[in-house]
Amino acid sequence: MKDKNNEQQYLISIDGGGTKTAVCVYDFLTESSRCSVCGGGNYKIHGIEIVRERIQNCLQSLLPDEGNIPLAVRYLVMGLS
């Protein structure tokens, strides 16, 4: 979903650790945030495909109505172990 000015509306922050990964989404349009936790985000331990899938699933659970999440992202902050 895009805001009234046809701009991206989400700030996504991802904190990937060895045992769990926290994903938070801030919605500039509604001025609200929501977070979710998924499995480990260390690609050296779990493999890049598993970590990618975990983050993708987490984002989809937080933004189920968003057809193309990358196009809706205004800012992205990541820290992966």
N, C-alpha and C. Protein backbone atom coordinates (compact mmCIF):
# COMPACT_ATOMS: atom_id res chain seq x y z
N MET A 1 0.85 -1.17 0.00
CA MET A 1 0.00 0.00 0.00
C MET A 1 0.89 1.23 0.00
N LYS A 2 0.46 2.25 -0.68
CA LYS A 2 1.24 3.48 -0.72
C LYS A 2 0.45 4.60 -0.07
N ASP A 3 1.16 5.61 0.39
CA ASP A 3 0.48 6.71 1.06
C ASP A 3 -0.13 7.67 0.04
N LYS A 4 -0.75 8.74 0.54
CA LYS A 4 -1.46 9.70 -0.30
C LYS A 4 -0.59 10.34 -1.37
N ASN A 5 0.70 10.45 -1.12
CA ASN A 5 1.62 11.07 -2.07
C ASN A 5 2.25 10.04 -3.00
N ASN A 6 1.70 8.81 -3.00
CA ASN A 6 2.20 7.75 -3.86
C ASN A 6 3.67 7.43 -3.55
N GLU A 7 4.02 7.50 -2.28
CA GLU A 7 5.37 7.18 -1.83
C GLU A 7 5.36 5.91 -0.99
N GLN A 8 6.51 5.34 -0.85
CA GLN A 8 6.64 4.17 0.01
C GLN A 8 6.29 4.56 1.44
N GLN A 9 5.69 3.64 2.17
CA GLN A 9 5.19 4.02 3.48
C GLN A 9 5.80 3.27 4.65
N TYR A 10 6.69 2.31 4.45
CA TYR A 10 7.17 1.51 5.57
C TYR A 10 8.65 1.72 5.87
N LEU A 11 8.95 1.69 7.16
CA LEU A 11 10.32 1.56 7.65
C LEU A 11 10.41 0.15 8.18
N ILE A 12 11.34 -0.62 7.68
CA ILE A 12 11.52 -1.99 8.14
C ILE A 12 12.87 -2.10 8.82
N SER A 13 12.86 -2.66 10.03
CA SER A 13 14.12 -2.89 10.73
C SER A 13 14.22 -4.38 11.05
N ILE A 14 15.40 -4.93 10.81
CA ILE A 14 15.63 -6.35 11.00
C ILE A 14 16.88 -6.52 11.85
N ASP A 15 16.72 -7.26 12.94
CA ASP A 15 17.84 -7.58 13.83
C ASP A 15 18.00 -9.09 13.83
N GLY A 16 18.94 -9.57 13.03
CA GLY A 16 19.13 -11.01 12.88
C GLY A 16 20.21 -11.52 13.79
N GLY A 17 19.83 -12.40 14.68
CA GLY A 17 20.79 -13.00 15.59
C GLY A 17 20.97 -14.48 15.28
N GLY A 18 21.78 -15.14 16.06
CA GLY A 18 22.05 -16.55 15.83
C GLY A 18 20.87 -17.45 16.14
N THR A 19 20.06 -17.09 17.14
CA THR A 19 18.94 -17.94 17.52
C THR A 19 17.58 -17.37 17.17
N LYS A 20 17.49 -16.04 17.02
CA LYS A 20 16.21 -15.45 16.64
C LYS A 20 16.45 -14.16 15.86
N THR A 21 15.45 -13.81 15.07
CA THR A 21 15.51 -12.60 14.26
C THR A 21 14.26 -11.79 14.54
N ALA A 22 14.44 -10.54 14.91
CA ALA A 22 13.31 -9.64 15.16
C ALA A 22 13.11 -8.77 13.93
N VAL A 23 11.86 -8.69 13.47
CA VAL A 23 11.50 -7.86 12.32
C VAL A 23 10.42 -6.90 12.79
N CYS A 24 10.66 -5.59 12.59
CA CYS A 24 9.69 -4.58 12.96
C CYS A 24 9.35 -3.73 11.75
N VAL A 25 8.09 -3.36 11.64
CA VAL A 25 7.60 -2.54 10.54
C VAL A 25 6.93 -1.31 11.12
N TYR A 26 7.37 -0.13 10.69
CA TYR A 26 6.71 1.12 11.07
C TYR A 26 5.96 1.62 9.84
N ASP A 27 4.69 1.92 10.02
CA ASP A 27 3.83 2.39 8.93
C ASP A 27 3.69 3.91 9.05
N PHE A 28 4.26 4.64 8.11
CA PHE A 28 4.20 6.10 8.15
C PHE A 28 2.78 6.63 7.95
N LEU A 29 1.95 5.88 7.23
CA LEU A 29 0.58 6.31 6.96
C LEU A 29 -0.28 6.27 8.21
N THR A 30 -0.19 5.18 8.97
CA THR A 30 -1.02 5.03 10.17
C THR A 30 -0.27 5.40 11.45
N GLU A 31 1.03 5.68 11.32
CA GLU A 31 1.90 5.99 12.45
C GLU A 31 1.83 4.89 13.52
N SER A 32 1.89 3.65 13.05
CA SER A 32 1.85 2.51 13.95
C SER A 32 2.98 1.56 13.61
N SER A 33 3.30 0.69 14.55
CA SER A 33 4.35 -0.29 14.30
C SER A 33 3.90 -1.65 14.80
N ARG A 34 4.52 -2.67 14.23
CA ARG A 34 4.27 -4.03 14.66
C ARG A 34 5.57 -4.82 14.48
N CYS A 35 5.72 -5.83 15.30
CA CYS A 35 6.95 -6.62 15.27
C CYS A 35 6.63 -8.10 15.32
N SER A 36 7.60 -8.89 14.86
CA SER A 36 7.48 -10.33 14.89
C SER A 36 8.87 -10.91 15.06
N VAL A 37 8.94 -12.12 15.58
CA VAL A 37 10.21 -12.80 15.78
C VAL A 37 10.16 -14.12 15.02
N CYS A 38 11.24 -14.40 14.30
CA CYS A 38 11.34 -15.68 13.59
C CYS A 38 12.66 -16.34 13.99
N GLY A 39 13.00 -17.43 13.34
CA GLY A 39 14.20 -18.19 13.68
C GLY A 39 15.49 -17.41 13.45
N GLY A 40 16.58 -18.07 13.68
CA GLY A 40 17.90 -17.47 13.60
C GLY A 40 18.20 -16.81 12.26
N GLY A 41 18.98 -15.73 12.31
CA GLY A 41 19.30 -14.97 11.12
C GLY A 41 20.77 -15.00 10.75
N ASN A 42 21.53 -15.94 11.31
CA ASN A 42 22.94 -16.05 10.97
C ASN A 42 23.09 -16.96 9.76
N TYR A 43 23.41 -16.37 8.61
CA TYR A 43 23.46 -17.15 7.37
C TYR A 43 24.61 -18.16 7.37
N LYS A 44 25.64 -17.92 8.17
CA LYS A 44 26.76 -18.87 8.22
C LYS A 44 26.35 -20.16 8.93
N ILE A 45 25.42 -20.04 9.87
CA ILE A 45 24.94 -21.22 10.60
C ILE A 45 23.78 -21.89 9.88
N HIS A 46 22.80 -21.08 9.46
CA HIS A 46 21.55 -21.62 8.93
C HIS A 46 21.51 -21.69 7.41
N GLY A 47 22.38 -20.97 6.72
CA GLY A 47 22.37 -20.93 5.27
C GLY A 47 21.56 -19.73 4.78
N ILE A 48 22.01 -19.12 3.71
CA ILE A 48 21.40 -17.88 3.22
C ILE A 48 19.96 -18.08 2.78
N GLU A 49 19.64 -19.21 2.16
CA GLU A 49 18.27 -19.44 1.69
C GLU A 49 17.29 -19.58 2.85
N ILE A 50 17.69 -20.26 3.91
CA ILE A 50 16.82 -20.41 5.07
C ILE A 50 16.59 -19.06 5.74
N VAL A 51 17.63 -18.27 5.89
CA VAL A 51 17.50 -16.95 6.51
C VAL A 51 16.63 -16.05 5.65
N ARG A 52 16.83 -16.07 4.34
CA ARG A 52 16.01 -15.27 3.43
C ARG A 52 14.54 -15.66 3.55
N GLU A 53 14.27 -16.95 3.58
CA GLU A 53 12.89 -17.43 3.69
C GLU A 53 12.27 -17.03 5.03
N ARG A 54 13.03 -17.11 6.10
CA ARG A 54 12.52 -16.72 7.42
C ARG A 54 12.14 -15.24 7.44
N ILE A 55 13.03 -14.39 6.92
CA ILE A 55 12.75 -12.95 6.91
C ILE A 55 11.56 -12.65 6.00
N GLN A 56 11.52 -13.29 4.86
CA GLN A 56 10.40 -13.09 3.93
C GLN A 56 9.07 -13.50 4.57
N ASN A 57 9.04 -14.65 5.22
CA ASN A 57 7.82 -15.12 5.88
C ASN A 57 7.41 -14.18 7.00
N CYS A 58 8.38 -13.68 7.73
CA CYS A 58 8.10 -12.74 8.82
C CYS A 58 7.48 -11.45 8.26
N LEU A 59 8.06 -10.92 7.19
CA LEU A 59 7.53 -9.71 6.57
C LEU A 59 6.13 -9.93 6.01
N GLN A 60 5.91 -11.08 5.40
CA GLN A 60 4.58 -11.37 4.86
C GLN A 60 3.54 -11.50 5.96
N SER A 61 3.94 -12.01 7.12
CA SER A 61 2.99 -12.10 8.23
C SER A 61 2.66 -10.72 8.80
N LEU A 62 3.62 -9.80 8.73
CA LEU A 62 3.40 -8.44 9.23
C LEU A 62 2.66 -7.57 8.22
N LEU A 63 2.82 -7.87 6.94
CA LEU A 63 2.21 -7.07 5.87
C LEU A 63 1.43 -7.99 4.91
N PRO A 64 0.40 -8.67 5.40
CA PRO A 64 -0.28 -9.66 4.57
C PRO A 64 -1.01 -9.08 3.36
N ASP A 65 -1.41 -7.82 3.41
CA ASP A 65 -2.16 -7.22 2.31
C ASP A 65 -1.27 -6.49 1.32
N GLU A 66 0.02 -6.49 1.56
CA GLU A 66 0.96 -5.77 0.69
C GLU A 66 1.41 -6.70 -0.43
N GLY A 67 1.04 -6.38 -1.65
CA GLY A 67 1.37 -7.23 -2.79
C GLY A 67 2.85 -7.27 -3.11
N ASN A 68 3.52 -6.14 -3.09
CA ASN A 68 4.94 -6.07 -3.43
C ASN A 68 5.65 -5.30 -2.33
N ILE A 69 6.11 -6.01 -1.33
CA ILE A 69 6.71 -5.39 -0.15
C ILE A 69 7.90 -4.50 -0.51
N PRO A 70 8.85 -4.93 -1.36
CA PRO A 70 9.99 -4.05 -1.66
C PRO A 70 9.59 -2.69 -2.21
N LEU A 71 8.54 -2.63 -3.02
CA LEU A 71 8.11 -1.34 -3.57
C LEU A 71 7.49 -0.43 -2.53
N ALA A 72 7.04 -0.98 -1.42
CA ALA A 72 6.38 -0.20 -0.38
C ALA A 72 7.34 0.27 0.72
N VAL A 73 8.61 -0.10 0.62
CA VAL A 73 9.59 0.20 1.67
C VAL A 73 10.25 1.55 1.40
N ARG A 74 10.15 2.45 2.37
CA ARG A 74 10.81 3.75 2.29
C ARG A 74 12.22 3.65 2.85
N TYR A 75 12.37 2.97 4.00
CA TYR A 75 13.68 2.80 4.63
C TYR A 75 13.82 1.36 5.11
N LEU A 76 15.05 0.87 5.08
CA LEU A 76 15.36 -0.48 5.57
C LEU A 76 16.64 -0.40 6.39
N VAL A 77 16.57 -0.94 7.60
CA VAL A 77 17.74 -0.99 8.49
C VAL A 77 17.91 -2.45 8.88
N MET A 78 19.12 -2.99 8.67
CA MET A 78 19.38 -4.40 8.98
C MET A 78 20.67 -4.57 9.74
N GLY A 79 20.64 -5.49 10.65
CA GLY A 79 21.85 -5.94 11.33
C GLY A 79 21.78 -7.45 11.40
N LEU A 80 22.64 -8.14 10.67
CA LEU A 80 22.63 -9.60 10.65
C LEU A 80 23.94 -10.12 11.19
N SER A 81 23.85 -11.17 12.00
CA SER A 81 25.07 -11.75 12.57
C SER A 81 25.76 -12.65 11.59
